[in-house]
């Protein structure tokens, strides 16, 4: 991704965050903590999954 494309994506993300905050209000500390805990549990679940077995290459 080019620097320009990355900047554009970040600008769009900030605009979305502002619109959501205007529409639904600010996220409370409790909501943020709950979301971070959920992300942590999801990350833990992913880390516990076995690595996929690589597919044989077409030349094998």
C-alpha atoms as a PDB file:
ATOM      1  CA  UNK A   1       0.000   0.000   0.000  1.00  0.00           C
ATOM      2  CA  UNK A   2       1.407   3.361  -0.935  1.00  0.00           C
ATOM      3  CA  UNK A   3       1.821   6.125   1.632  1.00  0.00           C
ATOM      4  CA  UNK A   4      -0.888   8.107  -0.139  1.00  0.00           C
ATOM      5  CA  UNK A   5      -3.342   5.195  -0.069  1.00  0.00           C
ATOM      6  CA  UNK A   6      -2.557   4.539   3.592  1.00  0.00           C
ATOM      7  CA  UNK A   7      -3.150   8.201   4.466  1.00  0.00           C
ATOM      8  CA  UNK A   8      -6.438   8.151   2.555  1.00  0.00           C
ATOM      9  CA  UNK A   9      -7.553   5.008   4.415  1.00  0.00           C
ATOM     10  CA  UNK A  10      -6.639   6.549   7.781  1.00  0.00           C
ATOM     11  CA  UNK A  11      -8.526   9.753   6.917  1.00  0.00           C
ATOM     12  CA  UNK A  12     -11.612   7.741   5.986  1.00  0.00           C
ATOM     13  CA  UNK A  13     -11.351   5.736   9.212  1.00  0.00           C
ATOM     14  CA  UNK A  14     -11.155   8.943  11.279  1.00  0.00           C
ATOM     15  CA  UNK A  15     -14.203  10.345   9.461  1.00  0.00           C
ATOM     16  CA  UNK A  16     -16.116   7.154  10.216  1.00  0.00           C
ATOM     17  CA  UNK A  17     -15.123   7.310  13.884  1.00  0.00           C
ATOM     18  CA  UNK A  18     -16.372  10.910  14.119  1.00  0.00           C
ATOM     19  CA  UNK A  19     -19.695  10.029  12.464  1.00  0.00           C
ATOM     20  CA  UNK A  20     -20.217   7.022  14.723  1.00  0.00           C
ATOM     21  CA  UNK A  21     -19.410   9.083  17.805  1.00  0.00           C
ATOM     22  CA  UNK A  22     -21.870  11.785  16.724  1.00  0.00           C
ATOM     23  CA  UNK A  23     -24.570   9.201  16.062  1.00  0.00           C
ATOM     24  CA  UNK A  24     -24.066   6.870  19.044  1.00  0.00           C
ATOM     25  CA  UNK A  25     -22.070   8.867  21.592  1.00  0.00           C
ATOM     26  CA  UNK A  26     -18.605   8.303  22.982  1.00  0.00           C
ATOM     27  CA  UNK A  27     -17.443   4.857  24.000  1.00  0.00           C
ATOM     28  CA  UNK A  28     -17.348   4.506  27.783  1.00  0.00           C
ATOM     29  CA  UNK A  29     -14.310   3.165  29.620  1.00  0.00           C
ATOM     30  CA  UNK A  30     -16.297   0.039  30.482  1.00  0.00           C
ATOM     31  CA  UNK A  31     -17.273  -0.569  26.853  1.00  0.00           C
ATOM     32  CA  UNK A  32     -13.681  -0.097  25.747  1.00  0.00           C
ATOM     33  CA  UNK A  33     -12.412  -2.495  28.424  1.00  0.00           C
ATOM     34  CA  UNK A  34     -15.013  -5.101  27.424  1.00  0.00           C
ATOM     35  CA  UNK A  35     -14.035  -4.802  23.752  1.00  0.00           C
ATOM     36  CA  UNK A  36     -10.325  -5.132  24.541  1.00  0.00           C
ATOM     37  CA  UNK A  37     -11.018  -8.190  26.717  1.00  0.00           C
ATOM     38  CA  UNK A  38     -13.008  -9.778  23.891  1.00  0.00           C
ATOM     39  CA  UNK A  39     -10.195  -9.094  21.422  1.00  0.00           C
ATOM     40  CA  UNK A  40      -7.724 -10.639  23.869  1.00  0.00           C
ATOM     41  CA  UNK A  41      -9.852 -13.804  24.154  1.00  0.00           C
ATOM     42  CA  UNK A  42     -10.153 -14.034  20.358  1.00  0.00           C
ATOM     43  CA  UNK A  43      -6.377 -13.594  19.992  1.00  0.00           C
ATOM     44  CA  UNK A  44      -5.838 -16.336  22.581  1.00  0.00           C
ATOM     45  CA  UNK A  45      -8.181 -18.661  20.727  1.00  0.00           C
ATOM     46  CA  UNK A  46      -6.350 -18.021  17.447  1.00  0.00           C
ATOM     47  CA  UNK A  47      -2.978 -18.573  19.102  1.00  0.00           C
ATOM     48  CA  UNK A  48      -4.192 -21.937  20.443  1.00  0.00           C
ATOM     49  CA  UNK A  49      -5.252 -23.204  16.997  1.00  0.00           C
ATOM     50  CA  UNK A  50      -2.884 -25.595  15.263  1.00  0.00           C
ATOM     51  CA  UNK A  51      -1.013 -24.304  12.251  1.00  0.00           C
ATOM     52  CA  UNK A  52      -2.529 -25.478   8.975  1.00  0.00           C
ATOM     53  CA  UNK A  53      -0.692 -28.205   7.130  1.00  0.00           C
ATOM     54  CA  UNK A  54       0.810 -26.771   3.947  1.00  0.00           C
ATOM     55  CA  UNK A  55      -0.693 -28.098   0.734  1.00  0.00           C
ATOM     56  CA  UNK A  56       1.608 -30.084  -1.500  1.00  0.00           C
ATOM     57  CA  UNK A  57       2.984 -28.023  -4.337  1.00  0.00           C
ATOM     58  CA  UNK A  58       1.680 -28.831  -7.839  1.00  0.00           C
ATOM     59  CA  UNK A  59       5.110 -30.153  -8.809  1.00  0.00           C
ATOM     60  CA  UNK A  60       5.057 -32.893  -6.134  1.00  0.00           C
END
